[in-house]
Structure formats: C-alpha cells, structure tokens
Amino acid sequence: MSEHEQPIVSFRTNTVIWLLLLVLTATTVYVSRLPLGPFHVWAGIGIAVVKASLVILIFMQLKYEKPLFKGLLLVALSILAIFIGMTFFDVLYR
C-alpha cells in the first residue's frame, strides 16, 4: 500500500466492532458487581485492554500498519495495565 492510500473499512466491520464494544462495556459493568476480591481490578483492566485494542486496531486503523507497530503498541498497553494493576495491589494490602 502506498503512503497516500487509505484503507476503507466496511460499514459492517465498524458496526460489528461497535456492538462488540457495547457487549464488553456491559461485561465490565457485570464484572464490577461480582465479588472477585483482589482479581476485581485485574478483570476490569483486562476488559479495558481488549476494548482499547479493538478501538486502536480498527477505528484508528493500526490493523493496516506493519506488524512491528502493532506488537509494540499492544506490549505498551499490557505493560501499562500491569503497572496500574500492581498499584492497586499495593493499595489493597496496606
């Protein structure tokens, strides 16, 4: 693909991803009401990472970039989620 070409994402794909994001949002609300103890934060962060990945890959069209960029972004999001989760573990055991 040349530098000036923009990939066209179909309306169906956008709709399916949007509906999936709505389902994941409802899942986040449902999980927030479950008594999971210290895993409560990890479940929320895991769902948030999946939602952020979908938005970045599809709506921001990272899906059409080189694999190196995709991998680096997902690694960065995962590391951020781990750091935030470790912060909550620190607060939990004070």
N, C-alpha and C. Protein backbone atom coordinates (compact mmCIF):
# COMPACT_ATOMS: atom_id res chain seq x y z
N MET A 1 0.85 -1.17 0.00
CA MET A 1 0.00 0.00 0.00
C MET A 1 0.90 1.23 0.00
N SER A 2 0.57 2.19 -0.84
CA SER A 2 1.41 3.38 -0.90
C SER A 2 1.15 4.28 0.30
N GLU A 3 1.97 5.30 0.41
CA GLU A 3 1.90 6.18 1.57
C GLU A 3 0.60 6.98 1.64
N HIS A 4 -0.01 7.26 0.50
CA HIS A 4 -1.19 8.13 0.48
C HIS A 4 -2.51 7.37 0.41
N GLU A 5 -2.45 6.06 0.26
CA GLU A 5 -3.69 5.29 0.22
C GLU A 5 -4.24 5.09 1.62
N GLN A 6 -5.55 5.21 1.73
CA GLN A 6 -6.22 4.97 3.00
C GLN A 6 -7.06 3.71 2.84
N PRO A 7 -6.91 2.74 3.72
CA PRO A 7 -7.76 1.54 3.63
C PRO A 7 -9.20 1.90 3.98
N ILE A 8 -10.11 1.25 3.31
CA ILE A 8 -11.53 1.50 3.54
C ILE A 8 -12.07 0.38 4.41
N VAL A 9 -12.57 0.73 5.57
CA VAL A 9 -13.16 -0.24 6.48
C VAL A 9 -14.66 -0.24 6.22
N SER A 10 -15.23 -1.42 6.06
CA SER A 10 -16.64 -1.51 5.70
C SER A 10 -17.54 -1.09 6.86
N PHE A 11 -18.74 -0.69 6.50
CA PHE A 11 -19.74 -0.31 7.49
C PHE A 11 -20.07 -1.49 8.40
N ARG A 12 -20.11 -2.68 7.83
CA ARG A 12 -20.41 -3.89 8.60
C ARG A 12 -19.34 -4.12 9.66
N THR A 13 -18.08 -3.97 9.29
CA THR A 13 -16.99 -4.16 10.25
C THR A 13 -17.08 -3.16 11.39
N ASN A 14 -17.31 -1.90 11.05
CA ASN A 14 -17.45 -0.88 12.09
C ASN A 14 -18.62 -1.17 13.01
N THR A 15 -19.72 -1.63 12.44
CA THR A 15 -20.90 -1.95 13.25
C THR A 15 -20.64 -3.13 14.17
N VAL A 16 -19.99 -4.16 13.66
CA VAL A 16 -19.69 -5.34 14.48
C VAL A 16 -18.75 -4.97 15.63
N ILE A 17 -17.74 -4.17 15.35
CA ILE A 17 -16.80 -3.76 16.39
C ILE A 17 -17.52 -2.89 17.42
N TRP A 18 -18.38 -2.01 16.97
CA TRP A 18 -19.13 -1.15 17.89
C TRP A 18 -20.02 -1.99 18.80
N LEU A 19 -20.71 -2.99 18.23
CA LEU A 19 -21.55 -3.86 19.04
C LEU A 19 -20.72 -4.68 20.03
N LEU A 20 -19.56 -5.12 19.59
CA LEU A 20 -18.65 -5.86 20.48
C LEU A 20 -18.19 -4.96 21.63
N LEU A 21 -17.92 -3.70 21.33
CA LEU A 21 -17.53 -2.76 22.39
C LEU A 21 -18.67 -2.54 23.38
N LEU A 22 -19.90 -2.51 22.89
CA LEU A 22 -21.05 -2.39 23.79
C LEU A 22 -21.18 -3.63 24.68
N VAL A 23 -20.97 -4.80 24.11
CA VAL A 23 -21.04 -6.04 24.90
C VAL A 23 -19.93 -6.05 25.95
N LEU A 24 -18.73 -5.61 25.58
CA LEU A 24 -17.63 -5.56 26.54
C LEU A 24 -17.89 -4.53 27.64
N THR A 25 -18.56 -3.44 27.30
CA THR A 25 -18.93 -2.45 28.32
C THR A 25 -19.93 -3.04 29.30
N ALA A 26 -20.93 -3.75 28.78
CA ALA A 26 -21.90 -4.42 29.65
C ALA A 26 -21.20 -5.48 30.51
N THR A 27 -20.22 -6.17 29.94
CA THR A 27 -19.46 -7.16 30.70
C THR A 27 -18.67 -6.49 31.82
N THR A 28 -18.12 -5.32 31.55
CA THR A 28 -17.40 -4.58 32.58
C THR A 28 -18.32 -4.23 33.74
N VAL A 29 -19.51 -3.78 33.42
CA VAL A 29 -20.49 -3.43 34.47
C VAL A 29 -20.87 -4.68 35.26
N TYR A 30 -21.08 -5.80 34.56
CA TYR A 30 -21.44 -7.04 35.25
C TYR A 30 -20.32 -7.52 36.16
N VAL A 31 -19.09 -7.50 35.65
CA VAL A 31 -17.94 -7.96 36.44
C VAL A 31 -17.72 -7.05 37.65
N SER A 32 -18.04 -5.77 37.52
CA SER A 32 -17.83 -4.86 38.64
C SER A 32 -18.73 -5.19 39.83
N ARG A 33 -19.79 -5.92 39.58
CA ARG A 33 -20.72 -6.28 40.65
C ARG A 33 -20.45 -7.66 41.25
N LEU A 34 -19.48 -8.38 40.69
CA LEU A 34 -19.14 -9.70 41.21
C LEU A 34 -18.14 -9.58 42.36
N PRO A 35 -18.25 -10.44 43.36
CA PRO A 35 -17.27 -10.43 44.47
C PRO A 35 -16.01 -11.21 44.10
N LEU A 36 -15.09 -10.57 43.41
CA LEU A 36 -13.88 -11.25 42.95
C LEU A 36 -12.67 -11.00 43.84
N GLY A 37 -12.82 -10.15 44.84
CA GLY A 37 -11.69 -9.85 45.72
C GLY A 37 -10.61 -9.08 44.99
N PRO A 38 -9.35 -9.51 45.16
CA PRO A 38 -8.26 -8.76 44.51
C PRO A 38 -8.24 -8.90 42.99
N PHE A 39 -8.95 -9.89 42.45
CA PHE A 39 -8.98 -10.06 41.00
C PHE A 39 -9.99 -9.13 40.32
N HIS A 40 -10.71 -8.38 41.12
CA HIS A 40 -11.68 -7.42 40.60
C HIS A 40 -11.02 -6.40 39.69
N VAL A 41 -9.89 -5.88 40.12
CA VAL A 41 -9.17 -4.87 39.34
C VAL A 41 -8.59 -5.49 38.08
N TRP A 42 -8.02 -6.69 38.20
CA TRP A 42 -7.43 -7.34 37.03
C TRP A 42 -8.47 -7.64 35.96
N ALA A 43 -9.67 -8.03 36.38
CA ALA A 43 -10.74 -8.30 35.40
C ALA A 43 -11.12 -7.02 34.65
N GLY A 44 -11.27 -5.94 35.37
CA GLY A 44 -11.60 -4.66 34.73
C GLY A 44 -10.51 -4.18 33.79
N ILE A 45 -9.27 -4.32 34.21
CA ILE A 45 -8.15 -3.89 33.37
C ILE A 45 -8.04 -4.78 32.14
N GLY A 46 -8.27 -6.07 32.30
CA GLY A 46 -8.22 -6.97 31.15
C GLY A 46 -9.26 -6.63 30.10
N ILE A 47 -10.46 -6.35 30.54
CA ILE A 47 -11.52 -5.97 29.61
C ILE A 47 -11.19 -4.62 28.96
N ALA A 48 -10.64 -3.70 29.73
CA ALA A 48 -10.27 -2.39 29.18
C ALA A 48 -9.17 -2.51 28.13
N VAL A 49 -8.22 -3.43 28.33
CA VAL A 49 -7.15 -3.63 27.35
C VAL A 49 -7.73 -4.18 26.05
N VAL A 50 -8.66 -5.10 26.15
CA VAL A 50 -9.30 -5.66 24.96
C VAL A 50 -10.06 -4.56 24.21
N LYS A 51 -10.81 -3.74 24.94
CA LYS A 51 -11.56 -2.66 24.30
C LYS A 51 -10.64 -1.63 23.65
N ALA A 52 -9.58 -1.26 24.34
CA ALA A 52 -8.64 -0.29 23.77
C ALA A 52 -7.96 -0.86 22.54
N SER A 53 -7.64 -2.14 22.57
CA SER A 53 -7.00 -2.77 21.41
C SER A 53 -7.93 -2.76 20.20
N LEU A 54 -9.20 -3.05 20.42
CA LEU A 54 -10.17 -3.01 19.32
C LEU A 54 -10.29 -1.61 18.72
N VAL A 55 -10.38 -0.62 19.58
CA VAL A 55 -10.50 0.75 19.09
C VAL A 55 -9.27 1.15 18.30
N ILE A 56 -8.11 0.85 18.83
CA ILE A 56 -6.87 1.25 18.17
C ILE A 56 -6.67 0.49 16.86
N LEU A 57 -6.93 -0.81 16.87
CA LEU A 57 -6.70 -1.61 15.67
C LEU A 57 -7.69 -1.29 14.56
N ILE A 58 -8.97 -1.16 14.88
CA ILE A 58 -9.98 -1.00 13.85
C ILE A 58 -10.26 0.47 13.56
N PHE A 59 -10.67 1.23 14.57
CA PHE A 59 -11.09 2.61 14.32
C PHE A 59 -9.91 3.53 14.01
N MET A 60 -8.75 3.26 14.59
CA MET A 60 -7.58 4.08 14.30
C MET A 60 -6.70 3.44 13.22
N GLN A 61 -7.17 2.33 12.66
CA GLN A 61 -6.59 1.64 11.52
C GLN A 61 -5.15 1.19 11.72
N LEU A 62 -4.80 0.83 12.93
CA LEU A 62 -3.48 0.25 13.17
C LEU A 62 -3.38 -1.15 12.57
N LYS A 63 -4.51 -1.74 12.31
CA LYS A 63 -4.57 -3.07 11.71
C LYS A 63 -3.82 -3.11 10.38
N TYR A 64 -3.76 -2.00 9.69
CA TYR A 64 -3.16 -1.95 8.37
C TYR A 64 -1.70 -1.49 8.41
N GLU A 65 -1.16 -1.30 9.57
CA GLU A 65 0.24 -0.90 9.71
C GLU A 65 1.13 -2.14 9.77
N LYS A 66 2.42 -1.91 9.88
CA LYS A 66 3.38 -3.01 9.94
C LYS A 66 3.21 -3.77 11.27
N PRO A 67 3.50 -5.07 11.26
CA PRO A 67 3.35 -5.88 12.47
C PRO A 67 4.17 -5.37 13.66
N LEU A 68 5.30 -4.75 13.40
CA LEU A 68 6.12 -4.23 14.48
C LEU A 68 5.36 -3.17 15.28
N PHE A 69 4.67 -2.27 14.60
CA PHE A 69 3.91 -1.24 15.29
C PHE A 69 2.78 -1.83 16.12
N LYS A 70 2.10 -2.83 15.56
CA LYS A 70 1.02 -3.49 16.29
C LYS A 70 1.53 -4.12 17.58
N GLY A 71 2.60 -4.87 17.44
CA GLY A 71 3.16 -5.55 18.61
C GLY A 71 3.64 -4.59 19.67
N LEU A 72 4.32 -3.53 19.25
CA LEU A 72 4.82 -2.56 20.23
C LEU A 72 3.68 -1.86 20.97
N LEU A 73 2.63 -1.53 20.27
CA LEU A 73 1.50 -0.88 20.93
C LEU A 73 0.82 -1.82 21.93
N LEU A 74 0.60 -3.06 21.53
CA LEU A 74 -0.05 -4.00 22.45
C LEU A 74 0.84 -4.31 23.65
N VAL A 75 2.14 -4.38 23.45
CA VAL A 75 3.06 -4.58 24.57
C VAL A 75 2.99 -3.37 25.51
N ALA A 76 2.97 -2.17 24.94
CA ALA A 76 2.90 -0.96 25.77
C ALA A 76 1.60 -0.91 26.57
N LEU A 77 0.49 -1.27 25.95
CA LEU A 77 -0.78 -1.29 26.68
C LEU A 77 -0.78 -2.34 27.79
N SER A 78 -0.19 -3.48 27.50
CA SER A 78 -0.12 -4.54 28.51
C SER A 78 0.76 -4.12 29.69
N ILE A 79 1.88 -3.50 29.42
CA ILE A 79 2.75 -3.03 30.49
C ILE A 79 2.05 -1.96 31.33
N LEU A 80 1.34 -1.07 30.67
CA LEU A 80 0.57 -0.05 31.40
C LEU A 80 -0.46 -0.71 32.31
N ALA A 81 -1.15 -1.72 31.79
CA ALA A 81 -2.15 -2.42 32.60
C ALA A 81 -1.50 -3.12 33.80
N ILE A 82 -0.33 -3.69 33.60
CA ILE A 82 0.37 -4.35 34.71
C ILE A 82 0.78 -3.34 35.77
N PHE A 83 1.30 -2.19 35.34
CA PHE A 83 1.70 -1.17 36.32
C PHE A 83 0.50 -0.65 37.11
N ILE A 84 -0.60 -0.41 36.44
CA ILE A 84 -1.80 0.06 37.15
C ILE A 84 -2.30 -1.02 38.09
N GLY A 85 -2.28 -2.27 37.63
CA GLY A 85 -2.71 -3.37 38.49
C GLY A 85 -1.83 -3.54 39.70
N MET A 86 -0.53 -3.40 39.54
CA MET A 86 0.38 -3.50 40.69
C MET A 86 0.15 -2.36 41.68
N THR A 87 -0.19 -1.21 41.17
CA THR A 87 -0.51 -0.08 42.06
C THR A 87 -1.73 -0.42 42.92
N PHE A 88 -2.73 -1.03 42.31
CA PHE A 88 -3.91 -1.39 43.08
C PHE A 88 -3.61 -2.49 44.08
N PHE A 89 -2.71 -3.42 43.75
CA PHE A 89 -2.30 -4.43 44.73
C PHE A 89 -1.62 -3.78 45.92
N ASP A 90 -0.81 -2.76 45.68
CA ASP A 90 -0.14 -2.06 46.76
C ASP A 90 -1.15 -1.39 47.67
N VAL A 91 -2.15 -0.77 47.08
CA VAL A 91 -3.20 -0.10 47.88
C VAL A 91 -4.04 -1.14 48.62
N LEU A 92 -4.27 -2.29 47.99
CA LEU A 92 -5.11 -3.33 48.60
C LEU A 92 -4.49 -3.90 49.87
N TYR A 93 -3.18 -4.07 49.89
CA TYR A 93 -2.54 -4.72 51.04
C TYR A 93 -1.92 -3.75 52.03
N ARG A 94 -2.35 -2.52 52.06
CA ARG A 94 -1.86 -1.57 53.07
C ARG A 94 -2.61 -1.73 54.35
